[in-house]
């Protein structure tokens, strides 16, 4: 499993556990909180900004990516990547981002 996927899986698991344990009201993070979290994520937890995707866009790799998404990502991001049908997505802190959002689409292969 790549470092990025491993970090995402661990982060999602921790977020889900914390969300279940706290039972508090969830709110959208403010601008400062979001900027700090994004900065931390891009510089400390994810890293590898200059790395390139080692997988070509072949049909086999795309098919494998779909399988990986269904195993690791779909639970929080929904089948369409936009949290559709995920009853707890808006109650997690921070809320689960839609994969077609501007913030997510700015990511490069290395972050």
Protein backbone atom coordinates (compact mmCIF):
# COMPACT_ATOMS: atom_id res chain seq x y z
CA UNK A 1 0.00 0.00 0.00
CA UNK A 2 1.43 3.41 -0.87
CA UNK A 3 2.24 5.93 1.82
CA UNK A 4 -0.59 8.23 0.65
CA UNK A 5 -3.24 5.51 0.77
CA UNK A 6 -1.96 4.27 4.14
CA UNK A 7 -2.06 7.82 5.56
CA UNK A 8 -5.58 8.36 4.21
CA UNK A 9 -6.86 5.07 5.61
CA UNK A 10 -5.36 5.76 9.04
CA UNK A 11 -6.67 9.32 9.03
CA UNK A 12 -10.16 8.25 8.05
CA UNK A 13 -10.21 5.52 10.66
CA UNK A 14 -9.09 7.94 13.37
CA UNK A 15 -11.61 10.55 12.24
CA UNK A 16 -14.41 8.00 12.26
CA UNK A 17 -13.46 6.79 15.75
CA UNK A 18 -13.21 10.31 17.12
CA UNK A 19 -16.52 11.25 15.50
CA UNK A 20 -18.23 8.25 17.08
CA UNK A 21 -16.69 8.87 20.49
CA UNK A 22 -17.34 12.58 20.77
CA UNK A 23 -20.94 12.77 19.54
CA UNK A 24 -20.64 16.55 19.35
CA UNK A 25 -22.09 18.99 16.87
CA UNK A 26 -19.93 19.27 13.78
CA UNK A 27 -19.42 22.53 11.99
CA UNK A 28 -17.55 23.49 8.88
CA UNK A 29 -14.03 24.61 9.81
CA UNK A 30 -13.39 28.33 9.61
CA UNK A 31 -10.95 29.84 7.13
CA UNK A 32 -8.03 29.89 9.58
CA UNK A 33 -8.68 26.35 10.82
CA UNK A 34 -8.97 25.06 7.24
CA UNK A 35 -5.77 26.84 6.17
CA UNK A 36 -3.83 25.42 9.13
CA UNK A 37 -5.14 21.90 8.49
CA UNK A 38 -4.35 22.10 4.76
CA UNK A 39 -0.86 23.46 5.45
CA UNK A 40 -0.19 20.70 7.99
CA UNK A 41 -1.48 18.04 5.62
CA UNK A 42 0.55 19.27 2.66
CA UNK A 43 3.82 19.74 4.56
CA UNK A 44 3.83 17.14 7.35
CA UNK A 45 1.48 14.21 6.83
CA UNK A 46 1.42 13.73 3.06
CA UNK A 47 4.75 14.98 1.73
CA UNK A 48 6.31 13.91 -1.55
CA UNK A 49 5.11 16.95 -3.50
CA UNK A 50 7.52 16.32 -6.34
CA UNK A 51 6.66 12.67 -6.72
CA UNK A 52 4.95 11.57 -9.89
CA UNK A 53 2.27 8.95 -10.20
CA UNK A 54 4.16 5.70 -10.82
CA UNK A 55 1.16 4.15 -12.59
CA UNK A 56 0.26 4.84 -16.18
CA UNK A 57 -3.38 5.45 -17.11
CA UNK A 58 -3.76 1.95 -18.56
CA UNK A 59 -7.09 0.13 -18.44
CA UNK A 60 -5.68 -2.36 -15.90
CA UNK A 61 -4.50 0.42 -13.57
CA UNK A 62 -7.79 2.30 -13.86
CA UNK A 63 -9.68 -0.88 -13.07
CA UNK A 64 -7.41 -1.53 -10.05
CA UNK A 65 -7.97 2.06 -8.89
CA UNK A 66 -11.72 1.55 -9.01
CA UNK A 67 -11.39 -1.60 -6.91
CA UNK A 68 -9.20 0.24 -4.38
CA UNK A 69 -11.72 3.10 -4.22
CA UNK A 70 -14.53 0.64 -3.51
CA UNK A 71 -12.53 -0.93 -0.66
CA UNK A 72 -10.97 2.12 0.99
CA UNK A 73 -12.71 5.34 -0.07
CA UNK A 74 -16.34 4.65 -0.93
CA UNK A 75 -17.43 4.27 2.70
CA UNK A 76 -16.90 7.98 3.38
CA UNK A 77 -16.92 9.52 -0.12
CA UNK A 78 -19.85 7.54 -1.57
CA UNK A 79 -20.03 5.71 -4.87
CA UNK A 80 -19.83 8.96 -6.83
CA UNK A 81 -17.08 10.60 -4.75
CA UNK A 82 -19.48 13.36 -3.70
CA UNK A 83 -20.66 11.84 -0.38
CA UNK A 84 -23.97 10.79 -1.93
CA UNK A 85 -25.65 8.20 0.26
CA UNK A 86 -23.17 8.54 3.14
CA UNK A 87 -25.34 9.32 6.18
CA UNK A 88 -22.50 10.40 8.48
CA UNK A 89 -20.38 12.42 6.02
CA UNK A 90 -21.72 15.77 7.21
CA UNK A 91 -21.29 14.83 10.89
CA UNK A 92 -17.57 14.03 10.72
CA UNK A 93 -15.12 16.66 11.84
CA UNK A 94 -13.80 17.91 9.57
CA UNK A 95 -16.59 17.03 7.13
CA UNK A 96 -15.72 14.59 4.35
CA UNK A 97 -14.83 16.62 1.24
CA UNK A 98 -16.45 15.95 -2.09
CA UNK A 99 -13.77 14.60 -4.42
CA UNK A 100 -14.86 17.02 -7.15
CA UNK A 101 -14.41 20.07 -4.87
CA UNK A 102 -11.90 22.75 -5.81
CA UNK A 103 -9.69 21.98 -2.80
CA UNK A 104 -9.41 18.30 -3.66
CA UNK A 105 -8.96 18.90 -7.38
CA UNK A 106 -5.91 21.12 -6.64
CA UNK A 107 -3.99 18.12 -5.35
CA UNK A 108 -1.16 16.83 -7.50
CA UNK A 109 0.13 13.24 -7.66
CA UNK A 110 2.61 14.02 -4.88
CA UNK A 111 0.15 15.59 -2.46
